[in-house]
Amino acid sequence: MAVTTTVRWLNDRHFVGIDSGNHSVVLSGQADGIGVKPSQMLLVALASCSAVDVVEILVKKRLTLTLLEVVTTAEQDPDPPWTYRKIHLKYRLSGHGLTAKAVEQAINLSQEKYCSVAATIRGVAQITTEYEIIPAL
């Protein structure tokens, strides 16, 4: 299956990325730019790819989420091309009926079977995970 995306230069070091569904995101090559740094977009892509999977898996288990947040911490090489070598994902979840077993299974299925971003970068970066279940109010 072929997928086409487009990155269009706006000005200075600012760009807009457009996916195959015509959705867009602003990117910036500047630390103080108006958009997401491209290298950090990879981390956002990894976290959001897995988050989508986790939500779908928990919904199939008939569990109701009220919160899902994935915080990503990564270590890069100090020299160009600044490759990510370690990426850690911390999932924070809340909902009714969530169990450690269900959450662990959802995260593992995402990381090992469904998340295309994780599958793509796993050969270069070590990906680790943890989770915290926050009691539902």
Protein backbone atom coordinates (compact mmCIF):
# COMPACT_ATOMS: atom_id res chain seq x y z
CA MET A 1 0.00 0.00 0.00
CA ALA A 2 1.55 3.28 -1.11
CA VAL A 3 1.04 6.43 0.93
CA THR A 4 1.85 9.95 -0.25
CA THR A 5 2.52 12.95 1.97
CA THR A 6 3.72 16.45 1.10
CA VAL A 7 5.90 18.93 2.95
CA ARG A 8 5.58 22.49 1.68
CA TRP A 9 8.00 25.28 2.61
CA LEU A 10 6.22 28.35 4.01
CA ASN A 11 9.06 30.77 4.85
CA ASP A 12 12.31 30.90 6.78
CA ARG A 13 12.57 27.42 8.31
CA HIS A 14 8.82 26.86 8.58
CA PHE A 15 6.93 24.17 6.70
CA VAL A 16 3.51 22.56 6.55
CA GLY A 17 3.22 18.79 6.36
CA ILE A 18 0.13 17.40 4.61
CA ASP A 19 -0.94 13.77 4.91
CA SER A 20 -2.76 11.62 2.36
CA GLY A 21 -6.11 12.71 3.85
CA ASN A 22 -5.23 16.40 3.36
CA HIS A 23 -4.72 17.02 7.11
CA SER A 24 -1.90 19.35 8.00
CA VAL A 25 0.61 20.15 10.71
CA VAL A 26 3.02 23.06 10.99
CA LEU A 27 6.71 22.18 11.35
CA SER A 28 9.72 24.31 12.11
CA GLY A 29 13.46 23.80 11.90
CA GLN A 30 13.95 26.51 14.51
CA ALA A 31 13.92 26.00 18.27
CA ASP A 32 11.79 29.14 18.62
CA GLY A 33 9.74 28.43 15.50
CA ILE A 34 6.01 28.34 15.05
CA GLY A 35 5.73 24.59 14.59
CA VAL A 36 6.86 21.21 15.82
CA LYS A 37 10.52 20.29 15.29
CA PRO A 38 10.63 17.47 12.71
CA SER A 39 12.76 15.21 14.91
CA GLN A 40 10.25 15.60 17.75
CA MET A 41 7.41 14.91 15.32
CA LEU A 42 8.78 11.37 15.18
CA LEU A 43 8.18 11.08 18.93
CA VAL A 44 4.69 12.54 18.57
CA ALA A 45 4.02 10.07 15.75
CA LEU A 46 5.16 7.13 17.88
CA ALA A 47 3.09 8.18 20.88
CA SER A 48 -0.04 8.95 18.85
CA CYS A 49 0.24 5.77 16.77
CA SER A 50 0.32 3.73 19.94
CA ALA A 51 -2.38 5.82 21.62
CA VAL A 52 -4.78 5.12 18.75
CA ASP A 53 -4.10 1.39 19.11
CA VAL A 54 -4.53 1.42 22.90
CA VAL A 55 -7.85 3.26 22.64
CA GLU A 56 -9.14 0.83 19.99
CA ILE A 57 -8.05 -2.23 21.96
CA LEU A 58 -9.59 -1.01 25.22
CA VAL A 59 -12.83 -0.07 23.43
CA LYS A 60 -13.00 -3.60 22.00
CA LYS A 61 -12.62 -4.85 25.58
CA ARG A 62 -15.64 -2.66 26.43
CA LEU A 63 -13.62 -0.52 28.81
CA THR A 64 -14.40 3.18 29.10
CA LEU A 65 -11.47 5.58 29.03
CA THR A 66 -11.74 9.04 30.54
CA LEU A 67 -8.04 9.92 30.14
CA LEU A 68 -5.16 8.76 27.98
CA GLU A 69 -1.92 10.67 27.85
CA VAL A 70 1.37 9.37 26.47
CA VAL A 71 4.51 11.22 27.57
CA THR A 72 7.60 10.43 25.53
CA THR A 73 11.17 10.85 26.74
CA ALA A 74 14.04 10.19 24.36
CA GLU A 75 17.83 10.20 24.20
CA GLN A 76 19.63 11.30 21.06
CA ASP A 77 23.22 10.85 19.93
CA PRO A 78 25.24 14.02 20.67
CA ASP A 79 26.49 14.33 17.07
CA PRO A 80 24.76 14.59 13.68
CA PRO A 81 22.44 13.12 12.61
CA TRP A 82 21.36 13.05 16.31
CA THR A 83 19.79 9.60 16.05
CA TYR A 84 17.34 8.59 18.76
CA ARG A 85 18.73 5.56 20.60
CA LYS A 86 16.36 5.24 23.55
CA ILE A 87 12.69 6.19 23.59
CA HIS A 88 10.50 5.73 26.65
CA LEU A 89 6.70 5.99 26.55
CA LYS A 90 4.74 6.58 29.75
CA TYR A 91 1.01 5.99 29.39
CA ARG A 92 -1.29 7.68 31.89
CA LEU A 93 -4.80 6.27 31.79
CA SER A 94 -8.01 6.59 33.69
CA GLY A 95 -11.37 5.02 33.18
CA HIS A 96 -13.99 2.72 34.59
CA GLY A 97 -13.00 -0.92 34.97
CA LEU A 98 -9.40 -0.51 33.80
CA THR A 99 -7.15 -3.29 35.01
CA ALA A 100 -3.40 -3.64 34.88
CA LYS A 101 -3.82 -6.77 32.75
CA ALA A 102 -5.99 -5.01 30.16
CA VAL A 103 -3.70 -1.98 29.96
CA GLU A 104 -0.53 -4.08 29.69
CA GLN A 105 -2.09 -6.20 26.96
CA ALA A 106 -3.21 -3.14 24.98
CA ILE A 107 0.22 -1.51 25.20
CA ASN A 108 2.04 -4.73 24.28
CA LEU A 109 -0.23 -5.39 21.29
CA SER A 110 0.30 -1.85 20.09
CA GLN A 111 4.07 -1.96 20.43
CA GLU A 112 4.59 -5.49 19.13
CA LYS A 113 1.88 -5.92 16.50
CA TYR A 114 -0.03 -2.83 15.38
CA CYS A 115 1.98 0.40 15.63
CA SER A 116 3.72 0.96 12.29
CA VAL A 117 5.85 3.78 13.70
CA ALA A 118 7.22 1.55 16.47
CA ALA A 119 7.90 -1.22 13.96
CA THR A 120 9.78 1.22 11.73
CA ILE A 121 12.09 2.67 14.38
CA ARG A 122 12.52 -0.37 16.63
CA GLY A 123 15.68 -1.49 14.77
CA VAL A 124 17.43 1.79 15.56
CA ALA A 125 16.02 2.89 18.91
CA GLN A 126 15.22 0.88 22.02
CA ILE A 127 11.58 1.50 22.95
CA THR A 128 10.49 0.99 26.54
CA THR A 129 7.10 1.55 28.15
CA GLU A 130 5.44 2.02 31.49
CA TYR A 131 1.94 2.96 32.54
CA GLU A 132 0.05 4.54 35.40
CA ILE A 133 -3.63 3.91 36.01
CA ILE A 134 -5.18 6.93 37.67
CA PRO A 135 -8.31 6.11 39.68
CA ALA A 136 -11.50 7.24 37.94
CA LEU A 137 -13.48 9.94 39.70
